[in-house]
């Protein structure tokens, strides 16, 4: 069994908790370990927050969740101005901002980013579940 969902949400703060709840419910269906679920929820939150805060010109957040008993894959995309993926700076230790992409990389696997000027950005990440039932 697999749960696959594609969402097109408004680019607003209220969309983030809605997609988190959907992910949490899908993971619970498969009995995914709570720590793995928390990691994915945080990574998803950071990816969506990046769209809300930084995707100049975007009007929506596209989220694709693909959840199975042994793994989860997530895509978060926007139709904004894009950014140079090669110029993502290391987070500043004195700031509370700028850690999103680094958290996503630390909490998940197979992270890929792509961005095209004036066409938007996509971040893909996955997580495998060792203890899934």
C-alpha atoms as a PDB file:
ATOM      1  CA  UNK A   1       0.000   0.000   0.000  1.00  0.00           C
ATOM      2  CA  UNK A   2       1.075   3.566  -0.688  1.00  0.00           C
ATOM      3  CA  UNK A   3      -0.402   7.007  -0.077  1.00  0.00           C
ATOM      4  CA  UNK A   4       0.326   9.607  -2.759  1.00  0.00           C
ATOM      5  CA  UNK A   5      -1.026  13.140  -2.567  1.00  0.00           C
ATOM      6  CA  UNK A   6      -0.373  16.201  -4.709  1.00  0.00           C
ATOM      7  CA  UNK A   7      -1.433  19.510  -3.174  1.00  0.00           C
ATOM      8  CA  UNK A   8      -1.573  22.992  -4.634  1.00  0.00           C
ATOM      9  CA  UNK A   9      -1.795  25.325  -1.645  1.00  0.00           C
ATOM     10  CA  UNK A  10      -1.872  29.111  -1.310  1.00  0.00           C
ATOM     11  CA  UNK A  11       1.521  30.639  -0.554  1.00  0.00           C
ATOM     12  CA  UNK A  12       0.601  31.607   2.983  1.00  0.00           C
ATOM     13  CA  UNK A  13       1.629  30.653   6.495  1.00  0.00           C
ATOM     14  CA  UNK A  14      -1.662  28.805   7.150  1.00  0.00           C
ATOM     15  CA  UNK A  15      -0.842  26.223   4.474  1.00  0.00           C
ATOM     16  CA  UNK A  16       2.142  24.896   6.417  1.00  0.00           C
ATOM     17  CA  UNK A  17       0.319  23.326   9.406  1.00  0.00           C
ATOM     18  CA  UNK A  18      -2.297  21.861   7.056  1.00  0.00           C
ATOM     19  CA  UNK A  19       0.279  19.952   5.014  1.00  0.00           C
ATOM     20  CA  UNK A  20       2.097  18.880   8.210  1.00  0.00           C
ATOM     21  CA  UNK A  21      -1.110  17.337   9.574  1.00  0.00           C
ATOM     22  CA  UNK A  22      -1.672  15.480   6.323  1.00  0.00           C
ATOM     23  CA  UNK A  23       1.872  14.082   6.429  1.00  0.00           C
ATOM     24  CA  UNK A  24       1.458  13.094  10.098  1.00  0.00           C
ATOM     25  CA  UNK A  25      -1.761  11.195   9.313  1.00  0.00           C
ATOM     26  CA  UNK A  26      -0.180   9.379   6.360  1.00  0.00           C
ATOM     27  CA  UNK A  27       2.840   8.362   8.456  1.00  0.00           C
ATOM     28  CA  UNK A  28       0.587   7.177  11.297  1.00  0.00           C
ATOM     29  CA  UNK A  29      -1.273   4.930   8.832  1.00  0.00           C
ATOM     30  CA  UNK A  30       1.966   2.988   8.368  1.00  0.00           C
ATOM     31  CA  UNK A  31       3.036   3.094  12.027  1.00  0.00           C
ATOM     32  CA  UNK A  32       6.184   5.082  11.244  1.00  0.00           C
ATOM     33  CA  UNK A  33       8.477   5.670  14.226  1.00  0.00           C
ATOM     34  CA  UNK A  34       7.671   8.985  15.921  1.00  0.00           C
ATOM     35  CA  UNK A  35      11.259  10.299  15.604  1.00  0.00           C
ATOM     36  CA  UNK A  36      11.284   9.635  11.853  1.00  0.00           C
ATOM     37  CA  UNK A  37       7.915  11.349  11.595  1.00  0.00           C
ATOM     38  CA  UNK A  38       9.101  14.345  13.586  1.00  0.00           C
ATOM     39  CA  UNK A  39      12.180  14.643  11.354  1.00  0.00           C
ATOM     40  CA  UNK A  40      10.048  14.616   8.208  1.00  0.00           C
ATOM     41  CA  UNK A  41       7.534  17.088   9.626  1.00  0.00           C
ATOM     42  CA  UNK A  42      10.320  19.516  10.482  1.00  0.00           C
ATOM     43  CA  UNK A  43      11.954  19.110   7.060  1.00  0.00           C
ATOM     44  CA  UNK A  44       8.584  19.656   5.346  1.00  0.00           C
ATOM     45  CA  UNK A  45       7.911  22.712   7.500  1.00  0.00           C
ATOM     46  CA  UNK A  46      11.278  24.212   6.560  1.00  0.00           C
ATOM     47  CA  UNK A  47      10.745  23.553   2.848  1.00  0.00           C
ATOM     48  CA  UNK A  48       7.278  25.134   2.888  1.00  0.00           C
ATOM     49  CA  UNK A  49       8.456  28.058   5.043  1.00  0.00           C
ATOM     50  CA  UNK A  50      11.190  28.756   2.493  1.00  0.00           C
ATOM     51  CA  UNK A  51       8.523  29.120  -0.195  1.00  0.00           C
ATOM     52  CA  UNK A  52       6.363  31.352   2.001  1.00  0.00           C
ATOM     53  CA  UNK A  53       9.300  33.568   3.000  1.00  0.00           C
ATOM     54  CA  UNK A  54      11.562  33.579  -0.051  1.00  0.00           C
ATOM     55  CA  UNK A  55       9.764  32.593  -3.273  1.00  0.00           C
ATOM     56  CA  UNK A  56       9.341  36.070  -4.719  1.00  0.00           C
ATOM     57  CA  UNK A  57       6.488  36.172  -7.203  1.00  0.00           C
ATOM     58  CA  UNK A  58       5.113  32.731  -6.314  1.00  0.00           C
ATOM     59  CA  UNK A  59       1.390  32.426  -5.701  1.00  0.00           C
ATOM     60  CA  UNK A  60       1.279  28.829  -4.484  1.00  0.00           C
ATOM     61  CA  UNK A  61       3.151  25.955  -2.868  1.00  0.00           C
ATOM     62  CA  UNK A  62       2.977  22.611  -4.648  1.00  0.00           C
ATOM     63  CA  UNK A  63       3.582  19.646  -2.348  1.00  0.00           C
ATOM     64  CA  UNK A  64       3.773  16.006  -3.366  1.00  0.00           C
ATOM     65  CA  UNK A  65       3.807  13.382  -0.612  1.00  0.00           C
ATOM     66  CA  UNK A  66       4.548   9.761  -1.455  1.00  0.00           C
ATOM     67  CA  UNK A  67       4.364   7.637   1.698  1.00  0.00           C
ATOM     68  CA  UNK A  68       4.850   3.884   2.010  1.00  0.00           C
ATOM     69  CA  UNK A  69       5.654   1.544   4.883  1.00  0.00           C
ATOM     70  CA  UNK A  70       9.394   1.680   4.256  1.00  0.00           C
ATOM     71  CA  UNK A  71       9.976   5.218   2.944  1.00  0.00           C
ATOM     72  CA  UNK A  72       8.610   8.676   2.267  1.00  0.00           C
ATOM     73  CA  UNK A  73       9.461  11.030  -0.596  1.00  0.00           C
ATOM     74  CA  UNK A  74       8.480  14.692  -0.579  1.00  0.00           C
ATOM     75  CA  UNK A  75       8.632  17.390  -3.250  1.00  0.00           C
ATOM     76  CA  UNK A  76       7.995  21.044  -2.449  1.00  0.00           C
ATOM     77  CA  UNK A  77       7.854  23.398  -5.432  1.00  0.00           C
ATOM     78  CA  UNK A  78       6.906  26.952  -6.268  1.00  0.00           C
ATOM     79  CA  UNK A  79       6.473  29.101  -9.366  1.00  0.00           C
ATOM     80  CA  UNK A  80       8.506  32.043  -8.054  1.00  0.00           C
ATOM     81  CA  UNK A  81      11.633  33.868  -9.193  1.00  0.00           C
ATOM     82  CA  UNK A  82      14.020  31.025  -8.318  1.00  0.00           C
ATOM     83  CA  UNK A  83      17.444  31.191  -6.684  1.00  0.00           C
ATOM     84  CA  UNK A  84      21.016  30.099  -7.352  1.00  0.00           C
ATOM     85  CA  UNK A  85      21.293  26.709  -5.612  1.00  0.00           C
ATOM     86  CA  UNK A  86      25.100  26.982  -5.715  1.00  0.00           C
ATOM     87  CA  UNK A  87      25.064  30.138  -3.613  1.00  0.00           C
ATOM     88  CA  UNK A  88      23.248  28.801  -0.559  1.00  0.00           C
ATOM     89  CA  UNK A  89      25.330  30.165   2.309  1.00  0.00           C
ATOM     90  CA  UNK A  90      26.290  28.354   5.484  1.00  0.00           C
ATOM     91  CA  UNK A  91      23.949  29.355   8.322  1.00  0.00           C
ATOM     92  CA  UNK A  92      25.130  32.191  10.546  1.00  0.00           C
ATOM     93  CA  UNK A  93      25.640  30.898  14.095  1.00  0.00           C
ATOM     94  CA  UNK A  94      24.467  34.233  15.519  1.00  0.00           C
ATOM     95  CA  UNK A  95      21.171  34.318  13.590  1.00  0.00           C
ATOM     96  CA  UNK A  96      17.899  32.452  14.036  1.00  0.00           C
ATOM     97  CA  UNK A  97      17.390  32.418  10.249  1.00  0.00           C
ATOM     98  CA  UNK A  98      19.021  30.640   7.324  1.00  0.00           C
ATOM     99  CA  UNK A  99      19.030  27.076   8.615  1.00  0.00           C
ATOM    100  CA  UNK A 100      16.143  25.579   6.626  1.00  0.00           C
ATOM    101  CA  UNK A 101      18.018  23.849   3.796  1.00  0.00           C
ATOM    102  CA  UNK A 102      20.686  22.599   6.193  1.00  0.00           C
ATOM    103  CA  UNK A 103      18.047  21.113   8.507  1.00  0.00           C
ATOM    104  CA  UNK A 104      16.368  19.399   5.558  1.00  0.00           C
ATOM    105  CA  UNK A 105      19.718  17.875   4.544  1.00  0.00           C
ATOM    106  CA  UNK A 106      20.426  16.752   8.119  1.00  0.00           C
ATOM    107  CA  UNK A 107      16.991  15.217   8.705  1.00  0.00           C
ATOM    108  CA  UNK A 108      16.424  13.444   5.402  1.00  0.00           C
ATOM    109  CA  UNK A 109      18.123  11.608   2.551  1.00  0.00           C
ATOM    110  CA  UNK A 110      18.595  12.056  -1.198  1.00  0.00           C
ATOM    111  CA  UNK A 111      18.059  15.825  -1.052  1.00  0.00           C
ATOM    112  CA  UNK A 112      17.966  17.510  -4.460  1.00  0.00           C
ATOM    113  CA  UNK A 113      17.313  21.132  -5.291  1.00  0.00           C
ATOM    114  CA  UNK A 114      16.682  22.715  -8.636  1.00  0.00           C
ATOM    115  CA  UNK A 115      15.731  26.229  -9.548  1.00  0.00           C
ATOM    116  CA  UNK A 116      15.114  27.986 -12.839  1.00  0.00           C
ATOM    117  CA  UNK A 117      15.035  31.806 -12.977  1.00  0.00           C
ATOM    118  CA  UNK A 118      11.464  33.102 -13.336  1.00  0.00           C
ATOM    119  CA  UNK A 119      10.096  29.536 -13.375  1.00  0.00           C
ATOM    120  CA  UNK A 120      10.447  28.482  -9.755  1.00  0.00           C
ATOM    121  CA  UNK A 121      12.202  26.046  -7.482  1.00  0.00           C
ATOM    122  CA  UNK A 122      11.877  22.463  -6.324  1.00  0.00           C
ATOM    123  CA  UNK A 123      13.319  20.636  -3.354  1.00  0.00           C
ATOM    124  CA  UNK A 124      13.044  16.857  -3.164  1.00  0.00           C
ATOM    125  CA  UNK A 125      13.914  14.806  -0.095  1.00  0.00           C
ATOM    126  CA  UNK A 126      13.283  11.295   1.187  1.00  0.00           C
ATOM    127  CA  UNK A 127      13.531   9.238   4.338  1.00  0.00           C
ATOM    128  CA  UNK A 128      13.744   5.475   4.730  1.00  0.00           C
ATOM    129  CA  UNK A 129      12.142   3.813   7.745  1.00  0.00           C
ATOM    130  CA  UNK A 130      14.059   1.015   9.431  1.00  0.00           C
ATOM    131  CA  UNK A 131      11.455   0.170  12.043  1.00  0.00           C
ATOM    132  CA  UNK A 132       8.260   0.457  10.041  1.00  0.00           C
ATOM    133  CA  UNK A 133       5.671  -2.289  10.542  1.00  0.00           C
END
